[in-house]
Amino acid sequence: MSKTTEQRTVFEVGGDLTITGNITRVSIKGGKIEIFSIPKGLNQEEIKGTQEYIEKYFPIAKASTLSLKDEFLKHEPETEEQRKFKNALISAIKSGLSDFRAQRMDACFDEEGNICFKAGIKPAVGKSPNWWKETAKKFMPEKGSRLGTTKERIAFLGLLIKYLIEEKGYTVSNAWKAVCDQSKDLGHYWDSENAKHDFEDTGSRQVSEWYDLANTYKITVDDEVGGFSLVGGSYINNGNCYPLADVNSVSNPGNDYDNSMGWIVLSV
């Protein structure tokens, strides 16, 4: 994304001033007034922190709507992978789930090496889970930005199964298989159709409101037990080896991971 930030203008009280643009906030300090505005002609949705930006890049994952009474949870697991995921999802629902905003696509780096969101760029891989945890907190602290938990990612994938059944016409069995057993049709894997055999650019392979469901492993934090997890798979895997529901613990959180990136969420 092009680097577009607020414009800061300072003037003495009593002075004459004309601001061209959209004023976002005003601060009075030591007899001076600071006016922050989005310069005329800039796209407001590209300004990090604006509601337009949040709506564009962080849709709401309605985890609170998941219920043990959901029809798709009556499915009898056909594989060990489905059994493990179903048990994890039921546990997550029982523990209580709140809605959250999840990144619509993989993050990328801007010209200064900062995290940003824009389609058509190489994903922001090559950093450690520890780096992602700290960076996620600083990304948009006023919106409660943080690294998503493994429980939230499991809920996110539960919502994906419901979407496949209710909106895309998958049978219950095939929806479970697509998330838990063979995910090559939902994300970018080595054996996916038109596989690039390298990283796809951000904003690829849309499923519902989301993009980039695979292509890179997603780093989540396990706050309840400590540590991190790698969820899903990357382009170097076949879709049946590391499907979307696959979860693996991180043993060296200080190490950089070449095929992984953090999964950032915001508060609703």
Protein backbone atom coordinates (compact mmCIF):
# COMPACT_ATOMS: atom_id res chain seq x y z
CA MET A 1 0.00 0.00 0.00
CA SER A 2 1.27 3.50 -0.73
CA LYS A 3 2.44 5.21 2.43
CA THR A 4 -0.29 7.71 3.30
CA THR A 5 -0.40 9.27 6.75
CA GLU A 6 -2.13 12.12 8.50
CA GLN A 7 -0.91 15.62 7.74
CA ARG A 8 0.12 17.61 10.86
CA THR A 9 -0.29 21.39 10.95
CA VAL A 10 0.70 23.57 13.94
CA PHE A 11 -0.23 27.25 14.45
CA GLU A 12 -0.33 29.77 17.28
CA VAL A 13 -3.67 30.55 18.87
CA GLY A 14 -5.13 33.58 17.13
CA GLY A 15 -3.47 32.90 13.79
CA ASP A 16 -5.29 32.52 10.51
CA LEU A 17 -5.21 29.11 8.85
CA THR A 18 -7.03 27.20 6.12
CA ILE A 19 -6.94 23.38 6.15
CA THR A 20 -7.62 21.52 2.91
CA GLY A 21 -8.55 17.97 3.69
CA ASN A 22 -10.49 15.95 6.25
CA ILE A 23 -9.68 16.81 9.88
CA THR A 24 -9.22 13.66 11.97
CA ARG A 25 -8.20 15.10 15.36
CA VAL A 26 -7.13 18.31 17.10
CA SER A 27 -4.66 18.72 19.98
CA ILE A 28 -3.94 21.87 22.04
CA LYS A 29 -0.48 21.96 23.64
CA GLY A 30 1.27 24.90 25.28
CA GLY A 31 -0.70 27.59 23.51
CA LYS A 32 -0.38 25.88 20.13
CA ILE A 33 -3.01 23.99 18.21
CA GLU A 34 -2.07 20.84 16.29
CA ILE A 35 -4.49 19.84 13.58
CA PHE A 36 -4.24 16.41 12.00
CA SER A 37 -5.96 15.86 8.69
CA ILE A 38 -6.01 13.56 5.70
CA PRO A 39 -4.70 15.64 2.79
CA LYS A 40 -7.20 16.26 0.03
CA GLY A 41 -6.98 13.66 -2.72
CA LEU A 42 -5.73 10.79 -0.53
CA ASN A 43 -7.87 7.69 -0.18
CA GLN A 44 -9.18 7.56 3.40
CA GLU A 45 -9.39 3.77 3.41
CA GLU A 46 -5.60 3.66 3.02
CA ILE A 47 -5.12 5.52 6.30
CA LYS A 48 -4.42 2.95 8.99
CA GLY A 49 -6.86 3.25 11.86
CA THR A 50 -9.75 4.81 9.95
CA GLN A 51 -13.04 2.92 9.94
CA GLU A 52 -12.79 2.54 6.16
CA TYR A 53 -9.40 0.85 6.53
CA ILE A 54 -10.63 -1.44 9.29
CA GLU A 55 -13.73 -2.49 7.34
CA LYS A 56 -11.65 -3.17 4.24
CA TYR A 57 -8.86 -5.20 5.80
CA PHE A 58 -10.38 -6.60 9.01
CA PRO A 59 -13.88 -8.08 8.59
CA ILE A 60 -15.65 -9.40 11.67
CA ALA A 61 -15.35 -13.12 12.36
CA LYS A 62 -18.62 -13.83 14.16
CA ALA A 63 -17.26 -16.52 16.46
CA SER A 64 -20.02 -15.92 19.02
CA THR A 65 -22.57 -17.34 16.56
CA LEU A 66 -21.01 -20.81 16.74
CA SER A 67 -23.13 -23.17 18.83
CA LEU A 68 -22.99 -26.78 19.92
CA LYS A 69 -26.45 -27.02 18.31
CA ASP A 70 -25.10 -26.17 14.83
CA GLU A 71 -26.05 -28.83 12.30
CA PHE A 72 -22.52 -29.19 10.94
CA LEU A 73 -21.32 -30.26 14.41
CA LYS A 74 -23.59 -33.30 14.25
CA HIS A 75 -21.22 -34.68 11.63
CA GLU A 76 -19.58 -37.93 12.66
CA PRO A 77 -15.84 -37.57 11.97
CA GLU A 78 -14.59 -39.76 9.13
CA THR A 79 -10.87 -39.30 9.82
CA GLU A 80 -8.60 -38.74 12.79
CA GLU A 81 -7.96 -35.17 11.59
CA GLN A 82 -11.69 -34.43 11.62
CA ARG A 83 -12.04 -35.94 15.10
CA LYS A 84 -9.23 -33.77 16.50
CA PHE A 85 -10.61 -30.63 14.94
CA LYS A 86 -14.18 -31.32 16.07
CA ASN A 87 -13.00 -31.89 19.66
CA ALA A 88 -10.95 -28.67 19.56
CA LEU A 89 -13.89 -26.68 18.15
CA ILE A 90 -16.33 -28.05 20.73
CA SER A 91 -13.85 -27.20 23.49
CA ALA A 92 -13.49 -23.67 22.11
CA ILE A 93 -17.27 -23.16 21.98
CA LYS A 94 -17.71 -24.44 25.52
CA SER A 95 -15.01 -22.10 26.82
CA GLY A 96 -16.81 -19.09 25.31
CA LEU A 97 -16.12 -17.27 22.06
CA SER A 98 -16.31 -13.57 21.30
CA ASP A 99 -16.42 -11.90 17.90
CA PHE A 100 -13.18 -10.41 16.61
CA ARG A 101 -11.85 -8.79 13.47
CA ALA A 102 -9.41 -10.96 11.48
CA GLN A 103 -7.05 -9.87 8.73
CA ARG A 104 -8.75 -10.29 5.36
CA MET A 105 -5.50 -11.18 3.59
CA ASP A 106 -1.89 -11.83 4.48
CA ALA A 107 0.14 -8.86 5.59
CA CYS A 108 3.08 -7.54 3.59
CA PHE A 109 5.95 -5.13 4.26
CA ASP A 110 5.95 -1.48 3.18
CA GLU A 111 8.99 0.41 1.91
CA GLU A 112 10.23 0.94 5.47
CA GLY A 113 9.78 -2.65 6.56
CA ASN A 114 6.57 -2.02 8.50
CA ILE A 115 3.55 -4.31 8.41
CA CYS A 116 0.79 -3.17 6.05
CA PHE A 117 -2.03 -4.66 4.03
CA LYS A 118 -2.30 -4.46 0.27
CA ALA A 119 -3.15 -6.96 -2.44
CA GLY A 120 -0.54 -8.00 -4.98
CA ILE A 121 2.56 -8.08 -2.75
CA LYS A 122 4.71 -10.92 -1.41
CA PRO A 123 3.47 -11.92 2.06
CA ALA A 124 5.41 -10.80 5.13
CA VAL A 125 7.30 -14.01 5.87
CA GLY A 126 10.68 -14.50 7.49
CA LYS A 127 10.03 -13.27 11.04
CA SER A 128 9.86 -15.12 14.34
CA PRO A 129 6.73 -15.82 16.42
CA ASN A 130 8.19 -13.59 19.15
CA TRP A 131 8.59 -10.75 16.63
CA TRP A 132 5.02 -11.19 15.43
CA LYS A 133 3.59 -11.12 18.93
CA GLU A 134 5.23 -7.78 19.70
CA THR A 135 4.62 -6.31 16.24
CA ALA A 136 0.92 -7.24 16.29
CA LYS A 137 0.47 -5.35 19.58
CA LYS A 138 2.00 -2.22 18.06
CA PHE A 139 0.17 -2.43 14.73
CA MET A 140 -3.05 -0.74 15.84
CA PRO A 141 -3.03 -0.66 19.67
CA GLU A 142 -6.02 1.67 19.85
CA LYS A 143 -8.05 -1.13 18.22
CA GLY A 144 -6.65 -3.89 20.44
CA SER A 145 -4.44 -5.39 17.74
CA ARG A 146 -2.70 -8.61 18.71
CA LEU A 147 -1.69 -12.00 17.45
CA GLY A 148 -4.77 -14.18 17.22
CA THR A 149 -5.03 -17.22 19.46
CA THR A 150 -5.14 -20.81 18.26
CA LYS A 151 -8.65 -21.06 19.73
CA GLU A 152 -9.76 -18.10 17.61
CA ARG A 153 -8.24 -19.66 14.49
CA ILE A 154 -10.12 -22.89 15.20
CA ALA A 155 -13.34 -20.88 15.54
CA PHE A 156 -12.50 -19.06 12.30
CA LEU A 157 -12.19 -22.42 10.51
CA GLY A 158 -15.45 -23.60 12.07
CA LEU A 159 -17.13 -20.57 10.52
CA LEU A 160 -15.47 -21.50 7.22
CA ILE A 161 -17.02 -24.98 7.32
CA LYS A 162 -20.46 -23.42 7.94
CA TYR A 163 -19.90 -21.04 5.01
CA LEU A 164 -18.96 -23.86 2.64
CA ILE A 165 -22.14 -25.75 3.55
CA GLU A 166 -24.61 -22.86 3.74
CA GLU A 167 -23.30 -20.58 1.00
CA LYS A 168 -21.27 -22.71 -1.42
CA GLY A 169 -23.38 -25.85 -1.48
CA TYR A 170 -20.81 -28.27 -0.11
CA THR A 171 -22.15 -31.41 1.50
CA VAL A 172 -21.40 -31.58 5.21
CA SER A 173 -18.92 -34.39 4.59
CA ASN A 174 -17.08 -32.53 1.83
CA ALA A 175 -16.90 -29.31 3.84
CA TRP A 176 -15.21 -31.14 6.71
CA LYS A 177 -12.83 -32.84 4.27
CA ALA A 178 -11.93 -29.53 2.62
CA VAL A 179 -10.86 -27.96 5.92
CA CYS A 180 -9.49 -30.97 7.77
CA ASP A 181 -8.18 -33.45 5.19
CA GLN A 182 -7.48 -31.96 1.76
CA SER A 183 -7.42 -28.17 1.45
CA LYS A 184 -5.88 -27.74 -2.00
CA ASP A 185 -9.10 -26.17 -3.33
CA LEU A 186 -9.32 -23.55 -0.55
CA GLY A 187 -5.76 -22.31 -0.37
CA HIS A 188 -2.52 -22.23 -2.31
CA TYR A 189 -0.67 -25.53 -1.99
CA TRP A 190 1.85 -27.34 -4.14
CA ASP A 191 -0.93 -29.47 -5.62
CA SER A 192 -3.53 -26.70 -5.96
CA GLU A 193 -4.91 -25.77 -9.36
CA ASN A 194 -2.58 -23.29 -11.08
CA ALA A 195 -0.05 -23.67 -8.26
CA LYS A 196 2.77 -21.14 -8.50
CA HIS A 197 5.28 -23.31 -6.59
CA ASP A 198 6.38 -20.11 -4.90
CA PHE A 199 4.56 -17.55 -2.78
CA GLU A 200 1.40 -16.17 -4.32
CA ASP A 201 0.85 -12.46 -3.89
CA THR A 202 -1.36 -11.22 -1.07
CA GLY A 203 -5.06 -11.08 -1.84
CA SER A 204 -5.19 -14.35 -3.79
CA ARG A 205 -7.80 -17.14 -3.89
CA GLN A 206 -10.84 -15.59 -2.25
CA VAL A 207 -13.09 -17.77 -0.09
CA SER A 208 -16.00 -15.85 1.43
CA GLU A 209 -14.56 -12.56 2.75
CA TRP A 210 -11.09 -14.01 3.14
CA TYR A 211 -7.98 -14.50 1.03
CA ASP A 212 -4.68 -16.35 1.43
CA LEU A 213 -6.06 -19.16 3.58
CA ALA A 214 -2.91 -21.17 2.93
CA ASN A 215 0.20 -20.06 0.94
CA THR A 216 1.84 -19.36 4.34
CA TYR A 217 1.50 -21.02 7.72
CA LYS A 218 -0.35 -18.79 10.16
CA ILE A 219 1.35 -18.10 13.50
CA THR A 220 -1.05 -18.02 16.45
CA VAL A 221 -0.43 -17.58 20.15
CA ASP A 222 -1.50 -20.08 22.81
CA ASP A 223 -2.09 -17.75 25.73
CA GLU A 224 -3.82 -20.40 27.84
CA VAL A 225 -0.86 -22.79 27.85
CA GLY A 226 1.93 -20.52 26.62
CA GLY A 227 3.83 -20.70 23.36
CA PHE A 228 2.78 -20.50 19.72
CA SER A 229 1.31 -22.69 17.01
CA LEU A 230 1.65 -22.93 13.24
CA VAL A 231 -1.79 -23.48 11.74
CA GLY A 232 -2.50 -24.70 8.22
CA GLY A 233 0.14 -25.07 5.53
CA SER A 234 2.15 -23.22 2.91
CA TYR A 235 2.77 -23.44 -0.82
CA ILE A 236 5.56 -25.99 -0.26
CA ASN A 237 3.05 -28.57 1.07
CA ASN A 238 0.41 -30.68 -0.58
CA GLY A 239 -3.06 -29.86 0.64
CA ASN A 240 -3.54 -33.25 2.30
CA CYS A 241 -0.29 -33.01 4.32
CA TYR A 242 -0.93 -29.72 6.09
CA PRO A 243 -4.63 -28.90 5.57
CA LEU A 244 -6.11 -25.71 7.00
CA ALA A 245 -7.06 -27.34 10.31
CA ASP A 246 -3.58 -28.72 10.97
CA VAL A 247 -1.99 -27.36 14.17
CA ASN A 248 1.64 -27.78 15.20
CA SER A 249 3.41 -26.37 18.24
CA VAL A 250 6.35 -24.00 17.75
CA SER A 251 9.48 -25.25 19.52
CA ASN A 252 11.77 -22.28 18.85
CA PRO A 253 9.74 -19.04 18.98
CA GLY A 254 12.85 -16.89 18.61
CA ASN A 255 13.71 -18.39 15.22
CA ASP A 256 12.64 -16.76 11.96
CA TYR A 257 10.22 -18.85 9.89
CA ASP A 258 10.60 -18.51 6.13
CA ASN A 259 7.14 -19.81 5.20
CA SER A 260 5.09 -18.40 8.07
CA MET A 261 3.48 -15.15 9.10
CA GLY A 262 1.46 -13.84 12.02
CA TRP A 263 -2.34 -13.84 12.02
CA ILE A 264 -3.39 -10.42 13.32
CA VAL A 265 -6.78 -9.75 14.89
CA LEU A 266 -8.50 -6.64 16.27
CA SER A 267 -11.17 -6.11 18.90
CA VAL A 268 -14.71 -5.52 17.68
